[in-house]
Protein backbone atom coordinates (compact mmCIF):
# COMPACT_ATOMS: atom_id res chain seq x y z
CA UNK A 1 74.73 -144.60 -113.94
CA UNK A 2 73.14 -142.36 -116.45
CA UNK A 3 69.97 -140.77 -115.05
CA UNK A 4 69.03 -138.70 -118.10
CA UNK A 5 68.25 -135.15 -118.57
CA UNK A 6 67.16 -132.51 -115.62
CA UNK A 7 65.96 -129.43 -115.06
CA UNK A 8 68.79 -127.28 -113.20
CA UNK A 9 66.14 -125.17 -111.44
CA UNK A 10 63.77 -126.87 -109.15
CA UNK A 11 60.80 -124.01 -109.46
CA UNK A 12 60.18 -121.15 -111.80
CA UNK A 13 57.51 -118.17 -111.33
CA UNK A 14 56.14 -115.70 -113.45
CA UNK A 15 53.12 -113.44 -113.18
CA UNK A 16 49.97 -113.22 -115.75
CA UNK A 17 47.29 -110.76 -116.15
CA UNK A 18 44.11 -110.31 -117.21
CA UNK A 19 43.24 -110.15 -121.00
CA UNK A 20 47.06 -110.31 -122.18
CA UNK A 21 46.64 -111.63 -125.83
CA UNK A 22 47.05 -115.28 -126.84
CA UNK A 23 50.51 -116.01 -127.59
CA UNK A 24 52.20 -113.52 -124.82
CA UNK A 25 55.42 -115.73 -123.74
CA UNK A 26 55.94 -116.26 -120.32
CA UNK A 27 59.21 -117.82 -119.39
CA UNK A 28 61.60 -119.91 -120.55
CA UNK A 29 62.63 -123.01 -119.04
CA UNK A 30 65.94 -125.14 -119.81
CA UNK A 31 67.04 -128.56 -119.48
CA UNK A 32 70.66 -129.95 -119.26
CA UNK A 33 71.68 -133.75 -120.58
CA UNK A 34 73.31 -136.53 -119.03
CA UNK A 35 74.78 -137.88 -122.42
CA UNK A 36 75.69 -135.90 -125.40
CA UNK A 37 73.33 -137.59 -127.66
CA UNK A 38 70.00 -136.65 -125.81
CA UNK A 39 67.49 -134.15 -126.93
CA UNK A 40 65.34 -132.16 -124.61
CA UNK A 41 61.75 -132.09 -125.10
CA UNK A 42 59.36 -130.67 -123.03
CA UNK A 43 55.49 -131.12 -122.19
CA UNK A 44 52.87 -129.69 -120.02
CA UNK A 45 50.51 -132.56 -119.03
CA UNK A 46 46.80 -131.77 -118.71
CA UNK A 47 46.18 -130.16 -115.26
CA UNK A 48 46.91 -127.51 -113.24
CA UNK A 49 46.70 -127.09 -109.32
CA UNK A 50 44.76 -123.95 -108.28
CA UNK A 51 44.02 -122.25 -104.47
CA UNK A 52 41.02 -125.16 -104.19
CA UNK A 53 44.32 -127.77 -104.27
CA UNK A 54 42.63 -129.71 -107.07
CA UNK A 55 43.62 -130.39 -110.53
CA UNK A 56 41.93 -128.45 -113.11
CA UNK A 57 41.78 -128.70 -117.30
CA UNK A 58 44.56 -126.23 -118.26
CA UNK A 59 43.35 -124.66 -121.19
CA UNK A 60 45.10 -121.54 -121.10
CA UNK A 61 48.90 -122.35 -121.06
CA UNK A 62 51.53 -124.21 -123.94
CA UNK A 63 55.03 -125.26 -123.62
CA UNK A 64 57.03 -125.54 -127.14
CA UNK A 65 58.12 -128.92 -127.01
CA UNK A 66 61.64 -127.64 -128.70
CA UNK A 67 62.21 -124.87 -126.86
CA UNK A 68 60.78 -124.62 -123.44
CA UNK A 69 58.91 -121.55 -123.80
CA UNK A 70 56.05 -121.24 -121.84
CA UNK A 71 53.15 -119.16 -123.48
CA UNK A 72 49.36 -118.09 -123.36
CA UNK A 73 47.52 -120.14 -125.85
CA UNK A 74 44.15 -118.64 -124.67
CA UNK A 75 43.71 -114.86 -123.13
CA UNK A 76 42.71 -115.42 -119.48
CA UNK A 77 39.50 -112.94 -118.91
CA UNK A 78 37.69 -112.31 -115.82
CA UNK A 79 35.53 -115.09 -115.88
CA UNK A 80 38.64 -117.34 -115.94
CA UNK A 81 40.01 -115.87 -113.22
CA UNK A 82 36.88 -116.38 -111.11
CA UNK A 83 37.09 -119.65 -111.80
CA UNK A 84 40.84 -120.23 -110.98
CA UNK A 85 40.64 -118.12 -107.85
CA UNK A 86 38.78 -118.63 -104.54
CA UNK A 87 36.61 -115.53 -105.66
CA UNK A 88 36.65 -112.21 -107.91
CA UNK A 89 37.51 -110.12 -104.65
CA UNK A 90 40.59 -111.33 -104.57
CA UNK A 91 43.58 -109.28 -106.33
CA UNK A 92 45.81 -112.41 -106.88
CA UNK A 93 45.64 -116.12 -106.88
CA UNK A 94 48.22 -118.57 -107.24
CA UNK A 95 48.29 -121.62 -109.55
CA UNK A 96 50.71 -124.45 -110.14
CA UNK A 97 51.90 -126.00 -113.39
CA UNK A 98 54.10 -128.96 -114.07
CA UNK A 99 56.69 -129.06 -117.04
CA UNK A 100 57.78 -132.33 -117.77
CA UNK A 101 61.28 -133.67 -119.45
CA UNK A 102 62.12 -136.54 -122.11
CA UNK A 103 64.35 -137.59 -124.49
CA UNK A 104 61.72 -138.96 -126.66
CA UNK A 105 58.49 -138.00 -128.26
CA UNK A 106 56.31 -137.28 -125.29
CA UNK A 107 53.18 -139.45 -124.28
CA UNK A 108 50.29 -138.73 -121.70
CA UNK A 109 51.50 -141.76 -119.67
CA UNK A 110 54.60 -140.37 -118.86
CA UNK A 111 53.30 -137.65 -116.55
CA UNK A 112 53.39 -140.14 -113.97
CA UNK A 113 57.06 -140.76 -114.11
CA UNK A 114 59.09 -138.21 -116.33
CA UNK A 115 61.11 -135.68 -114.69
CA UNK A 116 59.60 -132.59 -113.90
CA UNK A 117 59.94 -128.92 -112.55
CA UNK A 118 57.21 -126.74 -110.96
CA UNK A 119 56.20 -123.46 -112.47
CA UNK A 120 54.33 -121.05 -109.97
CA UNK A 121 52.23 -118.60 -111.87
CA UNK A 122 50.37 -115.14 -109.86
CA UNK A 123 47.51 -114.80 -111.82
CA UNK A 124 46.49 -110.79 -110.96
CA UNK A 125 43.10 -109.83 -111.31
CA UNK A 126 44.19 -106.53 -113.34
CA UNK A 127 45.53 -105.57 -116.83
CA UNK A 128 49.15 -105.84 -117.13
CA UNK A 129 50.70 -102.31 -115.80
CA UNK A 130 52.39 -99.80 -117.79
CA UNK A 131 56.15 -100.42 -118.33
CA UNK A 132 57.01 -97.21 -116.92
CA UNK A 133 55.54 -97.83 -113.55
CA UNK A 134 57.90 -100.85 -113.23
CA UNK A 135 61.05 -100.81 -111.01
CA UNK A 136 64.40 -102.11 -112.61
CA UNK A 137 64.13 -104.96 -110.31
CA UNK A 138 60.51 -105.94 -112.15
CA UNK A 139 61.70 -105.24 -115.28
CA UNK A 140 64.94 -107.32 -114.90
CA UNK A 141 64.19 -110.27 -112.66
CA UNK A 142 61.49 -112.34 -111.23
CA UNK A 143 60.77 -112.41 -107.58
CA UNK A 144 62.59 -115.82 -107.57
CA UNK A 145 66.03 -116.00 -106.39
CA UNK A 146 68.68 -117.04 -109.19
CA UNK A 147 69.68 -120.27 -108.01
CA UNK A 148 70.62 -123.08 -110.22
CA UNK A 149 71.86 -126.88 -109.43
CA UNK A 150 74.31 -128.73 -112.24
CA UNK A 151 75.32 -132.10 -111.76
CA UNK A 152 78.99 -132.70 -112.36
CA UNK A 153 80.61 -134.45 -114.83
CA UNK A 154 77.91 -133.75 -117.55
CA UNK A 155 77.98 -132.35 -120.60
CA UNK A 156 77.89 -128.31 -121.23
CA UNK A 157 74.83 -126.65 -122.14
CA UNK A 158 72.60 -123.48 -121.82
CA UNK A 159 70.80 -123.39 -118.25
CA UNK A 160 69.34 -119.98 -118.04
CA UNK A 161 68.26 -116.94 -120.23
CA UNK A 162 68.25 -113.52 -118.13
CA UNK A 163 65.94 -111.96 -120.56
CA UNK A 164 62.32 -111.89 -119.14
CA UNK A 165 60.27 -113.03 -122.21
CA UNK A 166 57.23 -111.87 -120.88
CA UNK A 167 58.96 -108.09 -119.89
CA UNK A 168 60.70 -108.27 -123.56
CA UNK A 169 57.01 -108.79 -125.31
CA UNK A 170 55.35 -105.90 -123.51
CA UNK A 171 57.87 -103.39 -123.00
CA UNK A 172 59.99 -103.06 -126.51
CA UNK A 173 60.23 -99.31 -125.88
CA UNK A 174 62.87 -99.95 -123.34
CA UNK A 175 66.08 -101.23 -123.56
CA UNK A 176 67.26 -103.69 -121.16
CA UNK A 177 70.57 -105.47 -121.24
CA UNK A 178 72.46 -107.64 -118.68
CA UNK A 179 76.02 -108.35 -117.55
CA UNK A 180 77.01 -111.44 -116.04
CA UNK A 181 80.00 -110.48 -113.30
CA UNK A 182 82.36 -113.45 -112.36
CA UNK A 183 85.95 -114.03 -111.88
CA UNK A 184 88.60 -115.21 -113.85
CA UNK A 185 88.39 -118.72 -115.16
CA UNK A 186 84.79 -119.23 -114.04
CA UNK A 187 83.57 -121.94 -116.47
CA UNK A 188 80.48 -120.10 -117.17
CA UNK A 189 79.84 -117.90 -120.49
CA UNK A 190 77.17 -115.17 -121.20
CA UNK A 191 76.31 -114.57 -124.66
CA UNK A 192 74.97 -110.86 -124.62
CA UNK A 193 72.66 -111.41 -128.02
CA UNK A 194 70.59 -113.82 -126.59
CA UNK A 195 70.93 -113.32 -122.99
CA UNK A 196 71.70 -116.83 -122.37
CA UNK A 197 74.23 -118.04 -119.71
CA UNK A 198 76.20 -121.45 -120.51
CA UNK A 199 77.91 -123.85 -118.24
CA UNK A 200 81.35 -124.33 -121.18
CA UNK A 201 82.71 -127.78 -119.00
CA UNK A 202 82.23 -130.48 -117.15
CA UNK A 203 82.09 -129.32 -113.72
CA UNK A 204 84.16 -130.99 -110.66
CA UNK A 205 82.13 -130.87 -107.22
CA UNK A 206 85.43 -132.17 -105.51
CA UNK A 207 87.49 -128.95 -107.00
CA UNK A 208 84.60 -126.35 -106.22
CA UNK A 209 81.18 -126.80 -104.97
CA UNK A 210 79.69 -123.27 -105.44
CA UNK A 211 79.76 -120.32 -107.54
CA UNK A 212 78.65 -116.97 -106.78
CA UNK A 213 78.31 -114.65 -109.54
CA UNK A 214 76.17 -111.58 -109.80
CA UNK A 215 73.49 -110.22 -112.71
CA UNK A 216 73.86 -107.13 -113.52
CA UNK A 217 70.99 -105.44 -115.84
CA UNK A 218 70.72 -102.04 -117.23
CA UNK A 219 67.06 -100.32 -118.03
CA UNK A 220 67.27 -97.51 -120.11
CA UNK A 221 64.45 -95.24 -121.70
CA UNK A 222 65.08 -91.75 -123.29
CA UNK A 223 67.55 -90.41 -120.92
CA UNK A 224 66.58 -92.75 -118.13
CA UNK A 225 68.60 -95.12 -116.67
CA UNK A 226 68.23 -97.72 -114.01
CA UNK A 227 70.44 -100.46 -112.82
CA UNK A 228 70.04 -103.37 -110.37
CA UNK A 229 71.99 -106.30 -109.22
CA UNK A 230 70.94 -109.85 -107.96
CA UNK A 231 73.02 -112.60 -106.92
CA UNK A 232 73.70 -115.62 -109.45
CA UNK A 233 74.38 -118.67 -107.61
CA UNK A 234 75.16 -122.60 -109.22
CA UNK A 235 75.47 -125.09 -106.85
CA UNK A 236 77.24 -128.16 -108.39
CA UNK A 237 75.62 -131.80 -107.28
CA UNK A 238 77.56 -134.79 -106.01
CA UNK A 239 78.02 -137.78 -107.70
CA UNK A 240 79.41 -140.45 -106.06
CA UNK A 241 82.59 -140.89 -108.29
CA UNK A 242 85.50 -140.40 -105.79
CA UNK A 243 87.35 -143.69 -104.31
CA UNK A 244 87.68 -143.05 -100.18
CA UNK A 245 91.59 -142.68 -99.07
CA UNK A 246 93.51 -143.15 -95.74
CA UNK A 247 94.75 -140.30 -94.21
CA UNK A 248 98.68 -140.39 -94.64
CA UNK A 249 98.38 -144.05 -96.22
CA UNK A 250 97.88 -145.29 -92.60
CA UNK A 251 95.94 -148.73 -93.56
CA UNK A 252 96.71 -150.36 -90.39
CA UNK A 253 95.57 -149.99 -86.54
CA UNK A 254 96.91 -151.68 -83.72
CA UNK A 255 94.30 -153.23 -81.17
CA UNK A 256 95.45 -154.18 -77.46
CA UNK A 257 93.05 -156.62 -75.80
CA UNK A 258 93.61 -156.54 -72.22
CA UNK A 259 92.13 -159.05 -69.51
CA UNK A 260 88.55 -157.59 -67.71
CA UNK A 261 87.41 -155.28 -70.81
CA UNK A 262 83.73 -154.97 -70.90
CA UNK A 263 81.42 -155.25 -73.64
CA UNK A 264 81.61 -151.98 -76.08
CA UNK A 265 85.03 -150.91 -74.93
CA UNK A 266 86.49 -149.45 -78.35
CA UNK A 267 90.15 -151.15 -79.18
CA UNK A 268 90.98 -149.28 -81.97
CA UNK A 269 89.89 -147.33 -84.77
CA UNK A 270 90.76 -146.48 -88.22
CA UNK A 271 89.55 -143.74 -90.23
CA UNK A 272 88.82 -143.69 -93.62
CA UNK A 273 88.13 -139.82 -95.83
CA UNK A 274 85.86 -139.77 -98.99
CA UNK A 275 86.04 -136.69 -100.76
CA UNK A 276 81.80 -137.47 -101.98
CA UNK A 277 79.30 -136.50 -99.70
CA UNK A 278 77.43 -138.93 -97.69
CA UNK A 279 73.65 -138.43 -97.45
CA UNK A 280 72.49 -138.78 -93.78
CA UNK A 281 69.09 -140.37 -94.54
CA UNK A 282 68.30 -142.98 -94.82
CA UNK A 283 71.02 -144.11 -92.26
CA UNK A 284 71.04 -147.56 -93.19
CA UNK A 285 71.62 -147.12 -96.61
CA UNK A 286 74.56 -144.66 -96.24
CA UNK A 287 76.14 -147.00 -94.00
CA UNK A 288 76.19 -149.54 -96.25
CA UNK A 289 78.15 -147.26 -98.73
CA UNK A 290 81.35 -148.66 -96.89
CA UNK A 291 81.23 -151.94 -94.68
CA UNK A 292 83.16 -152.96 -92.03
CA UNK A 293 84.22 -156.65 -91.91
CA UNK A 294 86.39 -158.48 -89.88
CA UNK A 295 88.05 -161.06 -92.27
CA UNK A 296 88.66 -164.46 -89.88
CA UNK A 297 88.20 -168.02 -89.97
CA UNK A 298 87.75 -168.26 -86.17
CA UNK A 299 84.20 -168.33 -85.02
CA UNK A 300 85.66 -167.00 -81.32
CA UNK A 301 86.79 -164.11 -83.32
CA UNK A 302 83.58 -163.18 -85.11
CA UNK A 303 81.49 -163.83 -82.23
CA UNK A 304 83.99 -161.71 -79.62
CA UNK A 305 84.56 -158.41 -81.76
CA UNK A 306 82.51 -156.19 -83.88
CA UNK A 307 83.28 -153.47 -86.21
CA UNK A 308 80.94 -150.21 -85.62
CA UNK A 309 80.66 -147.81 -88.33
CA UNK A 310 80.13 -143.88 -87.61
CA UNK A 311 80.51 -141.03 -90.49
CA UNK A 312 80.32 -137.23 -90.20
CA UNK A 313 80.73 -134.45 -92.75
CA UNK A 314 83.90 -132.59 -93.20
CA UNK A 315 85.26 -130.24 -95.49
CA UNK A 316 88.13 -129.95 -97.68
CA UNK A 317 89.73 -127.17 -99.13
CA UNK A 318 91.14 -127.60 -103.05
CA UNK A 319 92.37 -124.78 -104.42
CA UNK A 320 91.39 -122.73 -101.48
CA UNK A 321 87.57 -123.33 -102.23
CA UNK A 322 85.88 -125.18 -99.18
CA UNK A 323 83.73 -128.26 -100.65
CA UNK A 324 82.00 -130.87 -98.24
CA UNK A 325 83.13 -134.53 -97.91
CA UNK A 326 82.56 -137.63 -95.34
CA UNK A 327 85.07 -139.01 -92.66
CA UNK A 328 84.07 -142.67 -91.73
CA UNK A 329 85.40 -143.79 -88.67
CA UNK A 330 85.62 -147.63 -87.79
């Protein structure tokens, strides 16, 4: 079932300082496709959520519809900061924006129904710091972990840019370069020119559920050089694409019924495995995924016997990589 475009990250974060000029780039948001024909369009709906937890008119931030670049459309001055915070005495205030995704030209009514991700902006009651005062970690990465979710069986595409647009705009006198450290054969490619990371093929969660890479950043200023490494994690999201199977092909279980058996006595068990995961909640809908039915024309059998279904999570190890699956017992 095609579910459409989606975001590979649930949240994004960035700092915004007082008096940064309009046009300052803040961060780039990416989308991945469900089918090759889709074209991603990004949109910000009108309001932002401030510390008072009520929507406020967004007069400062815009996003480029075709590229997903979030930028300042108006400089944030101290009066703006006071309005968006709980008072002029606080050093920092957080606001939240929702970025929406669509494959067609956006309309405001889509804000209630379209796919969205959250952007957490830290508004800092100070002007932007000098680049020389920032650590390598601050120059290279945001505070948020590099953790991505990619659906299996979907087309390849770019899902992240390592370079921070805000730092690249502010600190043009610094040389900041990246590398993506990964083992042989991983389905990801790093582009040194754009610092973008791309998934190069359709992923199969039943083959591998998690990829653990390292993002390495080197900062050079004159003779000074700093390096920092952070985990770069990709989790493959499951699609219900694997048929159930029987261990060792065993599709028969004998049941011996003796006299004086009490109600609830287990007479026989048949086990079925599924390489896909089965959500525990809601329990009833998960049980309905595979139902157990007694096929008989004898009403006495239908009244006297029943099939009960329990399931639990197990782990398979294809290619030496541990992935989750489901064991169903009837």
